[in-house]
N, C-alpha and C. Protein backbone atom coordinates (compact mmCIF):
# COMPACT_ATOMS: atom_id res chain seq x y z
N MET A 1 128.78 57.75 145.40
CA MET A 1 127.98 58.67 144.61
C MET A 1 127.68 58.00 143.27
N SER A 2 126.42 57.99 142.90
CA SER A 2 126.03 57.31 141.67
C SER A 2 126.37 58.17 140.45
N ARG A 3 126.42 57.52 139.33
CA ARG A 3 126.72 58.21 138.08
C ARG A 3 125.65 59.28 137.79
N LEU A 4 124.38 58.97 138.07
CA LEU A 4 123.30 59.91 137.84
C LEU A 4 123.45 61.16 138.70
N SER A 5 123.79 60.99 139.96
CA SER A 5 123.92 62.15 140.84
C SER A 5 125.11 63.03 140.45
N ARG A 6 126.11 62.45 139.75
CA ARG A 6 127.25 63.25 139.30
C ARG A 6 126.93 64.00 138.01
N THR A 7 126.12 63.42 137.12
CA THR A 7 125.84 64.06 135.84
C THR A 7 124.62 64.96 135.85
N LEU A 8 123.73 64.77 136.82
CA LEU A 8 122.51 65.57 136.88
C LEU A 8 122.79 67.07 136.98
N PRO A 9 123.72 67.53 137.84
CA PRO A 9 123.99 68.97 137.89
C PRO A 9 124.47 69.52 136.54
N LEU A 10 125.29 68.77 135.81
CA LEU A 10 125.77 69.22 134.51
C LEU A 10 124.61 69.32 133.52
N VAL A 11 123.73 68.36 133.53
CA VAL A 11 122.56 68.39 132.64
C VAL A 11 121.70 69.60 132.94
N LEU A 12 121.49 69.91 134.20
CA LEU A 12 120.67 71.06 134.58
C LEU A 12 121.32 72.38 134.14
N ILE A 13 122.62 72.48 134.28
CA ILE A 13 123.33 73.69 133.86
C ILE A 13 123.23 73.88 132.35
N LEU A 14 123.44 72.81 131.60
CA LEU A 14 123.36 72.90 130.14
C LEU A 14 121.95 73.24 129.68
N ALA A 15 120.96 72.71 130.34
CA ALA A 15 119.57 72.99 129.96
C ALA A 15 119.17 74.41 130.29
N ALA A 16 119.79 75.02 131.28
CA ALA A 16 119.43 76.38 131.69
C ALA A 16 119.87 77.41 130.67
N GLY A 17 120.91 77.16 129.89
CA GLY A 17 121.40 78.12 128.90
C GLY A 17 120.34 78.54 127.91
N PRO A 18 119.73 77.62 127.17
CA PRO A 18 118.71 78.01 126.21
C PRO A 18 117.49 78.67 126.87
N LEU A 19 117.13 78.28 128.07
CA LEU A 19 116.00 78.88 128.75
C LEU A 19 116.27 80.34 129.05
N HIS A 20 117.49 80.64 129.48
CA HIS A 20 117.85 82.02 129.78
C HIS A 20 117.83 82.87 128.51
N ALA A 21 118.39 82.36 127.42
CA ALA A 21 118.41 83.10 126.17
C ALA A 21 117.00 83.36 125.68
N HIS A 22 116.10 82.41 125.88
CA HIS A 22 114.73 82.58 125.40
C HIS A 22 113.98 83.65 126.20
N GLN A 23 114.40 83.93 127.42
CA GLN A 23 113.75 84.97 128.22
C GLN A 23 113.92 86.34 127.57
N ASP A 24 115.01 86.56 126.83
CA ASP A 24 115.27 87.84 126.18
C ASP A 24 114.65 87.92 124.79
N HIS A 25 113.98 86.88 124.35
CA HIS A 25 113.37 86.84 123.03
C HIS A 25 112.24 87.87 122.96
N LEU A 26 112.35 88.83 122.05
CA LEU A 26 111.37 89.89 121.82
C LEU A 26 111.16 90.82 123.01
N VAL A 27 112.14 90.92 123.89
CA VAL A 27 112.09 91.88 124.99
C VAL A 27 112.87 93.12 124.53
N PRO A 28 112.22 94.31 124.49
CA PRO A 28 112.92 95.52 124.04
C PRO A 28 114.14 95.83 124.91
N GLN A 29 115.26 96.09 124.26
CA GLN A 29 116.49 96.43 124.97
C GLN A 29 116.84 97.91 124.82
N TYR A 30 116.21 98.59 123.83
CA TYR A 30 116.56 99.98 123.52
C TYR A 30 115.36 100.93 123.59
N GLY A 31 114.25 100.47 124.17
CA GLY A 31 113.09 101.32 124.31
C GLY A 31 112.19 101.37 123.08
N GLY A 32 112.42 100.46 122.14
CA GLY A 32 111.62 100.45 120.91
C GLY A 32 110.55 99.38 120.93
N VAL A 33 110.12 99.00 119.75
CA VAL A 33 109.12 97.94 119.59
C VAL A 33 109.80 96.76 118.90
N THR A 34 109.41 95.56 119.29
CA THR A 34 110.04 94.36 118.75
C THR A 34 109.08 93.58 117.88
N ALA A 35 109.68 92.81 116.96
CA ALA A 35 108.88 91.96 116.09
C ALA A 35 109.76 90.82 115.57
N GLU A 36 109.10 89.78 115.15
CA GLU A 36 109.74 88.57 114.64
C GLU A 36 109.91 88.69 113.13
N ALA A 37 111.08 88.31 112.63
CA ALA A 37 111.35 88.37 111.19
C ALA A 37 111.85 87.03 110.68
N GLY A 38 111.18 85.97 111.03
CA GLY A 38 111.61 84.65 110.58
C GLY A 38 112.71 84.11 111.46
N TYR A 39 113.94 84.06 110.94
CA TYR A 39 115.07 83.50 111.68
C TYR A 39 115.66 84.45 112.70
N PHE A 40 115.24 85.70 112.69
CA PHE A 40 115.81 86.68 113.60
C PHE A 40 114.71 87.62 114.08
N GLN A 41 115.08 88.48 115.04
CA GLN A 41 114.15 89.44 115.61
C GLN A 41 114.69 90.85 115.43
N VAL A 42 113.79 91.82 115.45
CA VAL A 42 114.15 93.21 115.22
C VAL A 42 113.52 94.08 116.31
N GLU A 43 114.30 95.03 116.81
CA GLU A 43 113.75 96.08 117.67
C GLU A 43 113.91 97.39 116.93
N ALA A 44 112.79 98.07 116.68
CA ALA A 44 112.80 99.34 115.96
C ALA A 44 112.72 100.50 116.95
N VAL A 45 113.66 101.43 116.80
CA VAL A 45 113.70 102.61 117.67
C VAL A 45 113.62 103.84 116.76
N SER A 46 112.57 104.63 116.95
CA SER A 46 112.36 105.84 116.16
C SER A 46 112.92 107.03 116.91
N GLN A 47 113.83 107.78 116.26
CA GLN A 47 114.43 108.98 116.85
C GLN A 47 114.40 110.08 115.80
N GLY A 48 113.37 110.89 115.83
CA GLY A 48 113.22 111.95 114.84
C GLY A 48 112.99 111.36 113.46
N THR A 49 113.84 111.72 112.52
CA THR A 49 113.69 111.24 111.15
C THR A 49 114.44 109.93 110.90
N ARG A 50 115.05 109.41 111.93
CA ARG A 50 115.90 108.22 111.82
C ARG A 50 115.24 107.05 112.56
N ILE A 51 115.20 105.88 111.91
CA ILE A 51 114.69 104.67 112.55
C ILE A 51 115.82 103.64 112.54
N THR A 52 116.19 103.19 113.73
CA THR A 52 117.26 102.20 113.89
C THR A 52 116.63 100.85 114.17
N LEU A 53 117.12 99.84 113.48
CA LEU A 53 116.68 98.47 113.69
C LEU A 53 117.81 97.68 114.32
N HIS A 54 117.61 97.19 115.53
CA HIS A 54 118.60 96.37 116.25
C HIS A 54 118.26 94.91 115.98
N LEU A 55 119.25 94.12 115.59
CA LEU A 55 119.04 92.74 115.17
C LEU A 55 119.49 91.74 116.24
N THR A 56 118.64 90.78 116.54
CA THR A 56 118.98 89.72 117.48
C THR A 56 118.44 88.39 116.99
N GLN A 57 118.97 87.35 117.58
CA GLN A 57 118.47 86.00 117.33
C GLN A 57 118.29 85.36 118.70
N HIS A 58 117.06 85.26 119.16
CA HIS A 58 116.71 84.75 120.49
C HIS A 58 117.41 85.52 121.60
N GLY A 59 117.43 86.86 121.47
CA GLY A 59 118.00 87.72 122.50
C GLY A 59 119.49 87.98 122.37
N VAL A 60 120.15 87.31 121.44
CA VAL A 60 121.59 87.49 121.25
C VAL A 60 121.82 88.36 120.01
N PRO A 61 122.57 89.47 120.14
CA PRO A 61 122.81 90.33 118.97
C PRO A 61 123.47 89.55 117.84
N ILE A 62 123.03 89.85 116.60
CA ILE A 62 123.65 89.22 115.43
C ILE A 62 124.29 90.29 114.57
N ALA A 63 125.32 89.92 113.86
CA ALA A 63 126.09 90.86 113.05
C ALA A 63 125.26 91.41 111.90
N ALA A 64 125.36 92.72 111.73
CA ALA A 64 124.65 93.39 110.64
C ALA A 64 125.54 93.59 109.42
N LYS A 65 126.81 93.20 109.51
CA LYS A 65 127.76 93.40 108.42
C LYS A 65 127.22 92.75 107.14
N GLY A 66 127.14 93.55 106.09
CA GLY A 66 126.66 93.06 104.80
C GLY A 66 125.15 93.02 104.66
N ALA A 67 124.43 93.33 105.73
CA ALA A 67 122.96 93.29 105.68
C ALA A 67 122.44 94.47 104.85
N HIS A 68 121.30 94.27 104.24
CA HIS A 68 120.68 95.34 103.46
C HIS A 68 119.17 95.11 103.41
N GLY A 69 118.46 96.11 102.96
CA GLY A 69 117.02 96.00 102.84
C GLY A 69 116.38 97.35 102.70
N LYS A 70 115.09 97.42 103.00
CA LYS A 70 114.37 98.69 102.93
C LYS A 70 113.32 98.74 104.03
N LEU A 71 112.93 99.95 104.38
CA LEU A 71 111.92 100.18 105.39
C LEU A 71 110.83 101.05 104.77
N ILE A 72 109.60 100.59 104.85
CA ILE A 72 108.45 101.32 104.31
C ILE A 72 107.59 101.79 105.47
N LEU A 73 107.25 103.08 105.48
CA LEU A 73 106.36 103.65 106.49
C LEU A 73 105.00 103.92 105.86
N LEU A 74 103.96 103.52 106.56
CA LEU A 74 102.58 103.75 106.11
C LEU A 74 101.87 104.56 107.18
N SER A 75 101.34 105.71 106.77
CA SER A 75 100.60 106.54 107.72
C SER A 75 99.44 107.19 107.00
N GLY A 76 98.69 108.03 107.71
CA GLY A 76 97.56 108.72 107.12
C GLY A 76 97.97 109.59 105.94
N ASN A 77 99.24 110.02 105.92
CA ASN A 77 99.73 110.89 104.85
C ASN A 77 100.22 110.13 103.63
N GLY A 78 100.22 108.82 103.68
CA GLY A 78 100.67 108.04 102.54
C GLY A 78 101.76 107.07 102.89
N LYS A 79 102.65 106.86 101.93
CA LYS A 79 103.71 105.86 102.05
C LYS A 79 105.06 106.50 101.74
N SER A 80 106.07 106.16 102.54
CA SER A 80 107.44 106.59 102.24
C SER A 80 108.37 105.41 102.44
N GLU A 81 109.45 105.41 101.70
CA GLU A 81 110.38 104.27 101.71
C GLU A 81 111.81 104.78 101.80
N ALA A 82 112.65 104.03 102.54
CA ALA A 82 114.06 104.38 102.67
C ALA A 82 114.88 103.10 102.71
N PRO A 83 116.09 103.14 102.12
CA PRO A 83 116.96 101.97 102.20
C PRO A 83 117.51 101.81 103.62
N LEU A 84 117.82 100.58 103.99
CA LEU A 84 118.45 100.30 105.28
C LEU A 84 119.95 100.19 105.06
N ALA A 85 120.72 100.84 105.91
CA ALA A 85 122.17 100.80 105.85
C ALA A 85 122.71 100.34 107.19
N VAL A 86 123.86 99.68 107.17
CA VAL A 86 124.49 99.24 108.41
C VAL A 86 124.88 100.47 109.23
N ALA A 87 124.48 100.47 110.51
CA ALA A 87 124.74 101.62 111.38
C ALA A 87 125.61 101.26 112.58
N GLY A 88 125.93 100.01 112.73
CA GLY A 88 126.73 99.54 113.86
C GLY A 88 126.89 98.04 113.74
N PRO A 89 127.56 97.44 114.69
CA PRO A 89 127.82 96.00 114.60
C PRO A 89 126.56 95.14 114.55
N HIS A 90 125.46 95.62 115.14
CA HIS A 90 124.24 94.82 115.23
C HIS A 90 123.00 95.62 114.83
N SER A 91 123.18 96.70 114.05
CA SER A 91 122.03 97.53 113.74
C SER A 91 122.05 98.08 112.32
N LEU A 92 120.85 98.38 111.84
CA LEU A 92 120.63 99.02 110.54
C LEU A 92 119.88 100.31 110.79
N VAL A 93 119.97 101.24 109.84
CA VAL A 93 119.28 102.51 110.00
C VAL A 93 118.63 102.93 108.68
N ALA A 94 117.48 103.59 108.80
CA ALA A 94 116.79 104.20 107.66
C ALA A 94 116.56 105.67 108.01
N GLN A 95 116.81 106.54 107.05
CA GLN A 95 116.65 107.98 107.24
C GLN A 95 115.49 108.46 106.38
N PHE A 96 114.56 109.18 106.99
CA PHE A 96 113.39 109.69 106.28
C PHE A 96 113.42 111.21 106.27
N PRO A 97 112.74 111.86 105.31
CA PRO A 97 112.73 113.32 105.25
C PRO A 97 111.97 113.97 106.41
N ALA A 98 111.00 113.27 106.96
CA ALA A 98 110.22 113.80 108.08
C ALA A 98 110.05 112.71 109.13
N ALA A 99 109.88 113.11 110.37
CA ALA A 99 109.70 112.15 111.46
C ALA A 99 108.35 111.45 111.30
N PRO A 100 108.33 110.14 111.46
CA PRO A 100 107.05 109.43 111.37
C PRO A 100 106.17 109.73 112.57
N ALA A 101 104.87 109.74 112.34
CA ALA A 101 103.92 109.98 113.42
C ALA A 101 103.86 108.75 114.32
N SER A 102 103.59 108.99 115.59
CA SER A 102 103.39 107.88 116.51
C SER A 102 102.20 107.07 116.01
N GLY A 103 102.35 105.76 115.99
CA GLY A 103 101.30 104.88 115.48
C GLY A 103 101.45 104.54 114.01
N ALA A 104 102.48 105.12 113.36
CA ALA A 104 102.72 104.78 111.95
C ALA A 104 103.07 103.30 111.84
N LYS A 105 102.61 102.68 110.79
CA LYS A 105 102.94 101.28 110.55
C LYS A 105 104.20 101.21 109.70
N ALA A 106 105.02 100.21 109.98
CA ALA A 106 106.26 100.05 109.25
C ALA A 106 106.42 98.60 108.81
N VAL A 107 107.02 98.44 107.63
CA VAL A 107 107.33 97.12 107.10
C VAL A 107 108.79 97.15 106.66
N ALA A 108 109.59 96.24 107.20
CA ALA A 108 111.00 96.16 106.83
C ALA A 108 111.26 94.84 106.11
N THR A 109 112.03 94.93 105.04
CA THR A 109 112.52 93.75 104.33
C THR A 109 114.03 93.76 104.55
N ILE A 110 114.53 92.70 105.18
CA ILE A 110 115.94 92.65 105.58
C ILE A 110 116.57 91.36 105.10
N ASP A 111 117.79 91.46 104.55
CA ASP A 111 118.56 90.29 104.15
C ASP A 111 119.89 90.35 104.90
N ILE A 112 120.14 89.34 105.74
CA ILE A 112 121.36 89.29 106.54
C ILE A 112 122.19 88.10 106.05
N PRO A 113 123.39 88.35 105.51
CA PRO A 113 124.23 87.25 105.04
C PRO A 113 124.49 86.22 106.16
N GLY A 114 124.32 84.96 105.83
CA GLY A 114 124.56 83.90 106.80
C GLY A 114 123.41 83.63 107.74
N THR A 115 122.42 84.53 107.80
CA THR A 115 121.27 84.35 108.68
C THR A 115 120.00 84.13 107.87
N GLY A 116 119.84 84.88 106.81
CA GLY A 116 118.68 84.74 105.94
C GLY A 116 117.93 86.04 105.78
N ALA A 117 116.86 85.97 105.01
CA ALA A 117 116.04 87.14 104.74
C ALA A 117 114.75 87.03 105.53
N GLY A 118 114.16 88.18 105.83
CA GLY A 118 112.90 88.19 106.54
C GLY A 118 112.17 89.50 106.37
N ASN A 119 110.88 89.45 106.56
CA ASN A 119 110.04 90.65 106.57
C ASN A 119 109.51 90.81 107.98
N VAL A 120 109.42 92.04 108.41
CA VAL A 120 108.91 92.31 109.75
C VAL A 120 107.98 93.51 109.69
N ARG A 121 106.89 93.43 110.46
CA ARG A 121 105.91 94.52 110.54
C ARG A 121 105.79 94.96 111.99
N PHE A 122 105.66 96.27 112.18
CA PHE A 122 105.49 96.80 113.53
C PHE A 122 104.82 98.16 113.47
N VAL A 123 104.35 98.61 114.61
CA VAL A 123 103.74 99.93 114.75
C VAL A 123 104.67 100.75 115.63
N LEU A 124 105.06 101.93 115.14
CA LEU A 124 106.01 102.77 115.87
C LEU A 124 105.35 103.44 117.07
N LYS A 125 106.15 103.65 118.11
CA LYS A 125 105.68 104.34 119.32
C LYS A 125 105.62 105.83 119.06
């Protein structure tokens, strides 16, 4: 058995890891809408007056501990803003006085320690 035939299976296995992770890049996992925020990705899920942002990096959840920022909603009625607070190991939440309308535009500014800061824009379902 040649050296190449022994190492080729290992090379193929190692190469498959990043390809698999990339398949989950910007694929909604919680029924929300996804967007790119520089070094990380965000899935926004609107539930009544609460909007949860789930944080990932190429499909892998990233820690939200210490993260902060704000979420701005833009709709026909004007503009409203709410701070983002850590809501779980990989998520942030913003609470608004009224539920946003479907189709409302949102802009989030997020700073995640150890990952970096990013801005993300999306349209709510």
